[in-house]
Amino acid sequence: MQMEHLKIQREGHVLIMTLDRKDKMNAFTPGMLHSLSEAFTWMEDNPEIRCGVLVAEGDHFTSGLDLEKVGPEVMNGKPLFGENKVDPVRTVGRHKTKPVVMAVKGYCLTVGVELILANDIAIAGENTLFGQIEIKRGIFPFGGATVRMPQRCGWGNAMRYLLTGDLFDAREALRIGLIQEITPHSPEDRAIELAGIIASQAPLGVYATLKSAYKSLHNESEALRDLVPAAMTLMQSSDAREGMMSFIERRSAKFTGE
């Protein structure tokens, strides 16, 4: 894969994706957006990868979109992500089925917040500042924040920041549920640790959990209806048998995803 300002590294069943434009505070160019989509797609299509991690080089996760470069493409209606590729902010195109853990620090603005909202677990350094600041630029968030921030953070909390563009710190992000942990140490190390724990679980169970949770956001009754049929399917898997045997034999399970 040809990557623009993005590095990928595989550690066991985990794919680590690293934003690498630190001289520009990891501001996203169109090429970076396409590269991230390529990496998410590769993760999705590779059966050996069970969980992803998204981190960044330098002192900041991202200052947001490089509007000088991205703005003209949006105005011309060009897709921000590759055709038939996984959309990392889950707005159009393919949606991922595997979990992604994020580690953020310094500035985490606009698309950085939307990546958190579109993915699954976020760890923040104590110095992180968040902001959905599009309103200050005469536009509005078009990567999913207007839909997902009210869902995750509550209507009032979402409107407090979407309508003012004010920055907020890691403690406030934790209070409103945007992030899940604050660490005084390396958020990258903690994110990789959590991804390793997730990747050690039964893959089919992890994917079914994520699918059910995503479905509940759009159609709760359908998600509830599908719980028992999905559980019946999982109970017929080799991993379910391995899980039962590991319990009986008092040992750690070794899951294969089958």
C-alpha atoms as a PDB file:
ATOM      1  CA  MET A   1       0.000   0.000   0.000  1.00  0.00           C
ATOM      2  CA  GLN A   2       1.203   3.516  -0.857  1.00  0.00           C
ATOM      3  CA  MET A   3       0.634   5.601   2.258  1.00  0.00           C
ATOM      4  CA  GLU A   4       0.716   9.392   2.529  1.00  0.00           C
ATOM      5  CA  HIS A   5       1.758  10.542   6.009  1.00  0.00           C
ATOM      6  CA  LEU A   6       0.548   7.277   7.525  1.00  0.00           C
ATOM      7  CA  LYS A   7       2.600   4.377   8.866  1.00  0.00           C
ATOM      8  CA  ILE A   8       1.227   0.920   9.543  1.00  0.00           C
ATOM      9  CA  GLN A   9       2.718  -1.817  11.675  1.00  0.00           C
ATOM     10  CA  ARG A  10       1.370  -5.206  12.615  1.00  0.00           C
ATOM     11  CA  GLU A  11       1.917  -6.626  16.101  1.00  0.00           C
ATOM     12  CA  GLY A  12       0.378 -10.082  16.283  1.00  0.00           C
ATOM     13  CA  HIS A  13      -3.341  -9.693  15.639  1.00  0.00           C
ATOM     14  CA  VAL A  14      -3.236  -5.889  16.074  1.00  0.00           C
ATOM     15  CA  LEU A  15      -2.724  -3.303  13.329  1.00  0.00           C
ATOM     16  CA  ILE A  16      -1.146  -0.049  14.520  1.00  0.00           C
ATOM     17  CA  MET A  17      -1.847   2.943  12.270  1.00  0.00           C
ATOM     18  CA  THR A  18       0.225   6.076  12.944  1.00  0.00           C
ATOM     19  CA  LEU A  19      -0.486   9.545  11.559  1.00  0.00           C
ATOM     20  CA  ASP A  20       2.840  10.943  10.395  1.00  0.00           C
ATOM     21  CA  ARG A  21       2.644  14.623   9.467  1.00  0.00           C
ATOM     22  CA  LYS A  22       3.856  16.027  12.747  1.00  0.00           C
ATOM     23  CA  ASP A  23       5.444  19.121  11.155  1.00  0.00           C
ATOM     24  CA  LYS A  24       1.868  20.193  10.300  1.00  0.00           C
ATOM     25  CA  MET A  25       0.335  18.931  13.570  1.00  0.00           C
ATOM     26  CA  ASN A  26      -0.975  15.940  11.619  1.00  0.00           C
ATOM     27  CA  ALA A  27      -3.479  18.072   9.714  1.00  0.00           C
ATOM     28  CA  PHE A  28      -5.260  15.764   7.278  1.00  0.00           C
ATOM     29  CA  THR A  29      -4.628  16.168   3.553  1.00  0.00           C
ATOM     30  CA  PRO A  30      -6.848  14.413   0.988  1.00  0.00           C
ATOM     31  CA  GLY A  31      -4.072  11.848   0.555  1.00  0.00           C
ATOM     32  CA  MET A  32      -3.972  11.146   4.293  1.00  0.00           C
ATOM     33  CA  LEU A  33      -7.716  10.570   4.336  1.00  0.00           C
ATOM     34  CA  HIS A  34      -7.430   8.124   1.442  1.00  0.00           C
ATOM     35  CA  SER A  35      -4.466   6.396   3.100  1.00  0.00           C
ATOM     36  CA  LEU A  36      -6.368   5.945   6.351  1.00  0.00           C
ATOM     37  CA  SER A  37      -9.262   4.479   4.385  1.00  0.00           C
ATOM     38  CA  GLU A  38      -6.852   2.071   2.669  1.00  0.00           C
ATOM     39  CA  ALA A  39      -5.434   0.985   6.041  1.00  0.00           C
ATOM     40  CA  PHE A  40      -8.892   0.462   7.551  1.00  0.00           C
ATOM     41  CA  THR A  41      -9.877  -1.572   4.489  1.00  0.00           C
ATOM     42  CA  TRP A  42      -6.761  -3.733   4.720  1.00  0.00           C
ATOM     43  CA  MET A  43      -7.503  -4.321   8.413  1.00  0.00           C
ATOM     44  CA  GLU A  44     -11.083  -5.241   7.595  1.00  0.00           C
ATOM     45  CA  ASP A  45     -10.153  -7.689   4.828  1.00  0.00           C
ATOM     46  CA  ASN A  46      -7.221  -9.378   6.608  1.00  0.00           C
ATOM     47  CA  PRO A  47      -8.495 -12.269   8.744  1.00  0.00           C
ATOM     48  CA  GLU A  48      -5.314 -12.213  10.845  1.00  0.00           C
ATOM     49  CA  ILE A  49      -6.061  -8.693  12.107  1.00  0.00           C
ATOM     50  CA  ARG A  50      -8.546  -8.634  14.965  1.00  0.00           C
ATOM     51  CA  CYS A  51      -8.223  -5.087  16.301  1.00  0.00           C
ATOM     52  CA  GLY A  52      -6.821  -1.747  15.146  1.00  0.00           C
ATOM     53  CA  VAL A  53      -5.030   1.079  16.958  1.00  0.00           C
ATOM     54  CA  LEU A  54      -4.896   4.654  15.682  1.00  0.00           C
ATOM     55  CA  VAL A  55      -2.156   6.907  17.089  1.00  0.00           C
ATOM     56  CA  ALA A  56      -0.056   9.866  15.935  1.00  0.00           C
ATOM     57  CA  GLU A  57       3.548  10.997  15.770  1.00  0.00           C
ATOM     58  CA  GLY A  58       4.583  14.261  17.437  1.00  0.00           C
ATOM     59  CA  ASP A  59       2.940  16.291  20.182  1.00  0.00           C
ATOM     60  CA  HIS A  60      -0.550  16.453  18.680  1.00  0.00           C
ATOM     61  CA  PHE A  61      -3.030  13.884  17.409  1.00  0.00           C
ATOM     62  CA  THR A  62      -4.388  16.239  14.751  1.00  0.00           C
ATOM     63  CA  SER A  63      -5.204  19.900  14.226  1.00  0.00           C
ATOM     64  CA  GLY A  64      -8.028  18.724  11.967  1.00  0.00           C
ATOM     65  CA  LEU A  65      -8.472  18.937   8.225  1.00  0.00           C
ATOM     66  CA  ASP A  66      -6.015  20.923   6.141  1.00  0.00           C
ATOM     67  CA  LEU A  67      -8.855  23.027   4.739  1.00  0.00           C
ATOM     68  CA  GLU A  68      -6.656  24.669   2.123  1.00  0.00           C
ATOM     69  CA  LYS A  69      -6.201  21.242   0.550  1.00  0.00           C
ATOM     70  CA  VAL A  70      -9.398  19.433   1.562  1.00  0.00           C
ATOM     71  CA  GLY A  71     -11.832  22.349   1.135  1.00  0.00           C
ATOM     72  CA  PRO A  72     -11.686  22.525  -2.678  1.00  0.00           C
ATOM     73  CA  GLU A  73     -12.292  18.773  -2.966  1.00  0.00           C
ATOM     74  CA  VAL A  74     -15.351  18.991  -0.717  1.00  0.00           C
ATOM     75  CA  MET A  75     -16.695  21.942  -2.736  1.00  0.00           C
ATOM     76  CA  ASN A  76     -16.241  19.935  -5.940  1.00  0.00           C
ATOM     77  CA  GLY A  77     -18.013  16.922  -4.509  1.00  0.00           C
ATOM     78  CA  LYS A  78     -15.003  14.619  -4.561  1.00  0.00           C
ATOM     79  CA  PRO A  79     -15.233  11.654  -2.157  1.00  0.00           C
ATOM     80  CA  LEU A  80     -12.968  12.005   0.869  1.00  0.00           C
ATOM     81  CA  PHE A  81     -12.328   8.265   0.961  1.00  0.00           C
ATOM     82  CA  GLY A  82     -11.620   5.691  -1.711  1.00  0.00           C
ATOM     83  CA  GLU A  83     -14.471   4.097  -3.602  1.00  0.00           C
ATOM     84  CA  ASN A  84     -15.468   0.714  -2.118  1.00  0.00           C
ATOM     85  CA  LYS A  85     -13.116   1.343   0.809  1.00  0.00           C
ATOM     86  CA  VAL A  86     -13.907   1.418   4.510  1.00  0.00           C
ATOM     87  CA  ASP A  87     -14.845   4.911   5.679  1.00  0.00           C
ATOM     88  CA  PRO A  88     -12.937   5.588   8.949  1.00  0.00           C
ATOM     89  CA  VAL A  89     -15.596   8.061  10.146  1.00  0.00           C
ATOM     90  CA  ARG A  90     -18.482   5.747   9.148  1.00  0.00           C
ATOM     91  CA  THR A  91     -20.507   8.212   7.092  1.00  0.00           C
ATOM     92  CA  VAL A  92     -20.640   6.649   3.617  1.00  0.00           C
ATOM     93  CA  GLY A  93     -19.297   3.543   1.918  1.00  0.00           C
ATOM     94  CA  ARG A  94     -18.223   0.414   3.730  1.00  0.00           C
ATOM     95  CA  HIS A  95     -18.400   0.304   7.514  1.00  0.00           C
ATOM     96  CA  LYS A  96     -15.839  -1.576   9.569  1.00  0.00           C
ATOM     97  CA  THR A  97     -16.731  -4.628  11.641  1.00  0.00           C
ATOM     98  CA  LYS A  98     -13.556  -4.764  13.753  1.00  0.00           C
ATOM     99  CA  PRO A  99     -12.832  -2.651  16.852  1.00  0.00           C
ATOM    100  CA  VAL A 100     -10.412   0.269  16.842  1.00  0.00           C
ATOM    101  CA  VAL A 101      -8.767   1.814  19.913  1.00  0.00           C
ATOM    102  CA  MET A 102      -7.463   5.377  19.636  1.00  0.00           C
ATOM    103  CA  ALA A 103      -4.782   7.266  21.557  1.00  0.00           C
ATOM    104  CA  VAL A 104      -4.938  11.070  21.443  1.00  0.00           C
ATOM    105  CA  LYS A 105      -2.810  13.898  22.833  1.00  0.00           C
ATOM    106  CA  GLY A 106      -2.199  17.610  22.356  1.00  0.00           C
ATOM    107  CA  TYR A 107      -4.724  19.016  19.905  1.00  0.00           C
ATOM    108  CA  CYS A 108      -7.477  16.653  18.783  1.00  0.00           C
ATOM    109  CA  LEU A 109      -9.665  18.824  16.620  1.00  0.00           C
ATOM    110  CA  THR A 110     -12.540  18.395  14.137  1.00  0.00           C
ATOM    111  CA  VAL A 111     -11.923  15.148  12.244  1.00  0.00           C
ATOM    112  CA  GLY A 112      -9.940  13.887  15.250  1.00  0.00           C
ATOM    113  CA  VAL A 113     -13.051  14.108  17.417  1.00  0.00           C
ATOM    114  CA  GLU A 114     -15.128  12.557  14.646  1.00  0.00           C
ATOM    115  CA  LEU A 115     -12.723   9.628  14.406  1.00  0.00           C
ATOM    116  CA  ILE A 116     -13.189   9.055  18.140  1.00  0.00           C
ATOM    117  CA  LEU A 117     -16.967   9.179  17.733  1.00  0.00           C
ATOM    118  CA  ALA A 118     -16.882   6.730  14.817  1.00  0.00           C
ATOM    119  CA  ASN A 119     -14.629   4.217  16.531  1.00  0.00           C
ATOM    120  CA  ASP A 120     -14.776   2.367  19.805  1.00  0.00           C
ATOM    121  CA  ILE A 121     -12.407   3.247  22.661  1.00  0.00           C
ATOM    122  CA  ALA A 122     -10.318   6.389  23.145  1.00  0.00           C
ATOM    123  CA  ILE A 123      -7.431   6.965  25.562  1.00  0.00           C
ATOM    124  CA  ALA A 124      -6.277  10.551  26.098  1.00  0.00           C
ATOM    125  CA  GLY A 125      -3.139  12.078  27.481  1.00  0.00           C
ATOM    126  CA  GLU A 126      -3.624  14.602  30.293  1.00  0.00           C
ATOM    127  CA  ASN A 127      -2.641  17.470  27.978  1.00  0.00           C
ATOM    128  CA  THR A 128      -5.256  16.762  25.288  1.00  0.00           C
ATOM    129  CA  LEU A 129      -7.467  19.585  24.043  1.00  0.00           C
ATOM    130  CA  PHE A 130     -10.545  18.713  22.013  1.00  0.00           C
ATOM    131  CA  GLY A 131     -12.598  20.894  19.727  1.00  0.00           C
ATOM    132  CA  GLN A 132     -15.222  20.704  17.017  1.00  0.00           C
ATOM    133  CA  ILE A 133     -14.373  24.166  15.701  1.00  0.00           C
ATOM    134  CA  GLU A 134     -15.959  24.148  12.239  1.00  0.00           C
ATOM    135  CA  ILE A 135     -18.567  26.706  13.336  1.00  0.00           C
ATOM    136  CA  LYS A 136     -15.720  29.226  13.739  1.00  0.00           C
ATOM    137  CA  ARG A 137     -14.775  28.694  10.084  1.00  0.00           C
ATOM    138  CA  GLY A 138     -18.235  29.309   8.701  1.00  0.00           C
ATOM    139  CA  ILE A 139     -19.046  25.640   8.126  1.00  0.00           C
ATOM    140  CA  PHE A 140     -20.270  22.721  10.236  1.00  0.00           C
ATOM    141  CA  PRO A 141     -18.972  19.223  11.094  1.00  0.00           C
ATOM    142  CA  PHE A 142     -19.530  16.939   8.111  1.00  0.00           C
ATOM    143  CA  GLY A 143     -17.751  13.823   9.381  1.00  0.00           C
ATOM    144  CA  GLY A 144     -20.484  12.558  11.685  1.00  0.00           C
ATOM    145  CA  ALA A 145     -20.177  14.710  14.837  1.00  0.00           C
ATOM    146  CA  THR A 146     -23.671  16.213  14.500  1.00  0.00           C
ATOM    147  CA  VAL A 147     -25.108  12.689  14.561  1.00  0.00           C
ATOM    148  CA  ARG A 148     -22.834  10.864  16.990  1.00  0.00           C
ATOM    149  CA  MET A 149     -21.894  13.487  19.556  1.00  0.00           C
ATOM    150  CA  PRO A 150     -25.513  13.820  20.770  1.00  0.00           C
ATOM    151  CA  GLN A 151     -25.721  10.012  20.922  1.00  0.00           C
ATOM    152  CA  ARG A 152     -22.541   9.572  22.940  1.00  0.00           C
ATOM    153  CA  CYS A 153     -22.310  12.760  24.960  1.00  0.00           C
ATOM    154  CA  GLY A 154     -25.946  13.833  25.349  1.00  0.00           C
ATOM    155  CA  TRP A 155     -27.791  16.603  23.533  1.00  0.00           C
ATOM    156  CA  GLY A 156     -26.846  19.470  25.820  1.00  0.00           C
ATOM    157  CA  ASN A 157     -23.182  18.520  26.039  1.00  0.00           C
ATOM    158  CA  ALA A 158     -22.980  18.121  22.270  1.00  0.00           C
ATOM    159  CA  MET A 159     -24.678  21.436  21.528  1.00  0.00           C
ATOM    160  CA  ARG A 160     -22.471  23.180  24.109  1.00  0.00           C
ATOM    161  CA  TYR A 161     -19.412  22.466  21.958  1.00  0.00           C
ATOM    162  CA  LEU A 162     -20.828  22.032  18.444  1.00  0.00           C
ATOM    163  CA  LEU A 163     -22.520  25.438  18.506  1.00  0.00           C
ATOM    164  CA  THR A 164     -19.706  27.405  20.176  1.00  0.00           C
ATOM    165  CA  GLY A 165     -16.597  25.727  18.790  1.00  0.00           C
ATOM    166  CA  ASP A 166     -15.048  26.036  22.256  1.00  0.00           C
ATOM    167  CA  LEU A 167     -12.106  23.814  23.161  1.00  0.00           C
ATOM    168  CA  PHE A 168     -12.376  21.450  26.131  1.00  0.00           C
ATOM    169  CA  ASP A 169      -9.845  19.412  28.072  1.00  0.00           C
ATOM    170  CA  ALA A 170      -9.442  15.712  28.768  1.00  0.00           C
ATOM    171  CA  ARG A 171     -11.348  15.822  32.059  1.00  0.00           C
ATOM    172  CA  GLU A 172     -14.346  17.371  30.331  1.00  0.00           C
ATOM    173  CA  ALA A 173     -14.063  14.828  27.511  1.00  0.00           C
ATOM    174  CA  LEU A 174     -14.151  12.058  30.123  1.00  0.00           C
ATOM    175  CA  ARG A 175     -17.121  13.645  31.899  1.00  0.00           C
ATOM    176  CA  ILE A 176     -19.239  13.764  28.754  1.00  0.00           C
ATOM    177  CA  GLY A 177     -18.211  10.269  27.649  1.00  0.00           C
ATOM    178  CA  LEU A 178     -16.200  11.190  24.570  1.00  0.00           C
ATOM    179  CA  ILE A 179     -13.140   9.345  25.884  1.00  0.00           C
ATOM    180  CA  GLN A 180     -12.847   6.371  28.206  1.00  0.00           C
ATOM    181  CA  GLU A 181      -9.554   6.940  30.046  1.00  0.00           C
ATOM    182  CA  ILE A 182      -7.011   9.660  30.837  1.00  0.00           C
ATOM    183  CA  THR A 183      -3.428   8.606  31.401  1.00  0.00           C
ATOM    184  CA  PRO A 184      -0.433  10.572  32.715  1.00  0.00           C
ATOM    185  CA  HIS A 185       1.769   8.180  30.796  1.00  0.00           C
ATOM    186  CA  SER A 186       1.801   7.173  27.134  1.00  0.00           C
ATOM    187  CA  PRO A 187      -1.745   6.982  25.728  1.00  0.00           C
ATOM    188  CA  GLU A 188      -0.278   5.031  22.795  1.00  0.00           C
ATOM    189  CA  ASP A 189       1.049   2.292  25.083  1.00  0.00           C
ATOM    190  CA  ARG A 190      -2.283   2.033  26.883  1.00  0.00           C
ATOM    191  CA  ALA A 191      -4.220   1.864  23.605  1.00  0.00           C
ATOM    192  CA  ILE A 192      -1.958  -0.898  22.302  1.00  0.00           C
ATOM    193  CA  GLU A 193      -2.345  -2.756  25.603  1.00  0.00           C
ATOM    194  CA  LEU A 194      -6.151  -2.610  25.382  1.00  0.00           C
ATOM    195  CA  ALA A 195      -6.099  -3.657  21.724  1.00  0.00           C
ATOM    196  CA  GLY A 196      -3.993  -6.675  22.680  1.00  0.00           C
ATOM    197  CA  ILE A 197      -6.544  -7.666  25.315  1.00  0.00           C
ATOM    198  CA  ILE A 198      -9.373  -7.346  22.788  1.00  0.00           C
ATOM    199  CA  ALA A 199      -7.424  -9.293  20.164  1.00  0.00           C
ATOM    200  CA  SER A 200      -6.931 -12.162  22.627  1.00  0.00           C
ATOM    201  CA  GLN A 201     -10.692 -12.683  22.952  1.00  0.00           C
ATOM    202  CA  ALA A 202     -12.781 -14.850  20.630  1.00  0.00           C
ATOM    203  CA  PRO A 203     -12.866 -12.855  17.347  1.00  0.00           C
ATOM    204  CA  LEU A 204     -16.359 -13.958  16.329  1.00  0.00           C
ATOM    205  CA  GLY A 205     -17.662 -12.914  19.743  1.00  0.00           C
ATOM    206  CA  VAL A 206     -15.939  -9.528  19.494  1.00  0.00           C
ATOM    207  CA  TYR A 207     -17.348  -8.865  16.023  1.00  0.00           C
ATOM    208  CA  ALA A 208     -20.833  -9.971  17.071  1.00  0.00           C
ATOM    209  CA  THR A 209     -20.690  -7.663  20.089  1.00  0.00           C
ATOM    210  CA  LEU A 210     -19.660  -4.708  17.942  1.00  0.00           C
ATOM    211  CA  LYS A 211     -22.291  -5.490  15.290  1.00  0.00           C
ATOM    212  CA  SER A 212     -25.050  -5.705  17.875  1.00  0.00           C
ATOM    213  CA  ALA A 213     -23.985  -2.470  19.576  1.00  0.00           C
ATOM    214  CA  TYR A 214     -23.774  -0.566  16.278  1.00  0.00           C
ATOM    215  CA  LYS A 215     -27.163  -1.908  15.231  1.00  0.00           C
ATOM    216  CA  SER A 216     -28.726  -0.761  18.513  1.00  0.00           C
ATOM    217  CA  LEU A 217     -27.838   2.851  17.681  1.00  0.00           C
ATOM    218  CA  HIS A 218     -30.074   2.759  14.616  1.00  0.00           C
ATOM    219  CA  ASN A 219     -32.711   0.149  15.382  1.00  0.00           C
ATOM    220  CA  GLU A 220     -32.976  -0.998  18.998  1.00  0.00           C
ATOM    221  CA  SER A 221     -35.857  -3.401  18.415  1.00  0.00           C
ATOM    222  CA  GLU A 222     -33.985  -5.125  15.576  1.00  0.00           C
ATOM    223  CA  ALA A 223     -30.852  -5.375  17.711  1.00  0.00           C
ATOM    224  CA  LEU A 224     -32.831  -6.975  20.535  1.00  0.00           C
ATOM    225  CA  ARG A 225     -34.584  -9.369  18.138  1.00  0.00           C
ATOM    226  CA  ASP A 226     -31.249 -10.569  16.753  1.00  0.00           C
ATOM    227  CA  LEU A 227     -29.563 -11.305  20.100  1.00  0.00           C
ATOM    228  CA  VAL A 228     -30.627 -14.934  20.567  1.00  0.00           C
ATOM    229  CA  PRO A 229     -30.181 -15.975  16.898  1.00  0.00           C
ATOM    230  CA  ALA A 230     -26.665 -14.499  16.944  1.00  0.00           C
ATOM    231  CA  ALA A 231     -25.887 -16.268  20.223  1.00  0.00           C
ATOM    232  CA  MET A 232     -27.110 -19.581  18.794  1.00  0.00           C
ATOM    233  CA  THR A 233     -24.756 -19.189  15.835  1.00  0.00           C
ATOM    234  CA  LEU A 234     -21.804 -18.348  18.068  1.00  0.00           C
ATOM    235  CA  MET A 235     -22.466 -21.328  20.321  1.00  0.00           C
ATOM    236  CA  GLN A 236     -21.846 -23.621  17.345  1.00  0.00           C
ATOM    237  CA  SER A 237     -18.361 -22.191  16.731  1.00  0.00           C
ATOM    238  CA  SER A 238     -15.045 -23.844  17.547  1.00  0.00           C
ATOM    239  CA  ASP A 239     -14.150 -20.845  19.686  1.00  0.00           C
ATOM    240  CA  ALA A 240     -17.238 -21.326  21.836  1.00  0.00           C
ATOM    241  CA  ARG A 241     -16.243 -24.946  22.417  1.00  0.00           C
ATOM    242  CA  GLU A 242     -12.701 -23.815  23.224  1.00  0.00           C
ATOM    243  CA  GLY A 243     -14.063 -21.241  25.651  1.00  0.00           C
ATOM    244  CA  MET A 244     -16.084 -23.898  27.461  1.00  0.00           C
ATOM    245  CA  MET A 245     -13.160 -26.334  27.606  1.00  0.00           C
ATOM    246  CA  SER A 246     -10.814 -23.650  28.911  1.00  0.00           C
ATOM    247  CA  PHE A 247     -13.321 -22.954  31.684  1.00  0.00           C
ATOM    248  CA  ILE A 248     -13.613 -26.632  32.588  1.00  0.00           C
ATOM    249  CA  GLU A 249      -9.864 -27.170  32.416  1.00  0.00           C
ATOM    250  CA  ARG A 250      -9.060 -23.936  34.274  1.00  0.00           C
ATOM    251  CA  ARG A 251      -6.751 -22.552  31.577  1.00  0.00           C
ATOM    252  CA  SER A 252      -6.524 -19.620  29.204  1.00  0.00           C
ATOM    253  CA  ALA A 253      -8.461 -20.062  25.996  1.00  0.00           C
ATOM    254  CA  LYS A 254      -6.721 -20.083  22.616  1.00  0.00           C
ATOM    255  CA  PHE A 255      -9.143 -18.666  20.075  1.00  0.00           C
ATOM    256  CA  THR A 256      -8.766 -19.095  16.326  1.00  0.00           C
ATOM    257  CA  GLY A 257     -11.736 -17.151  14.966  1.00  0.00           C
ATOM    258  CA  GLU A 258     -13.537 -20.281  13.778  1.00  0.00           C
END
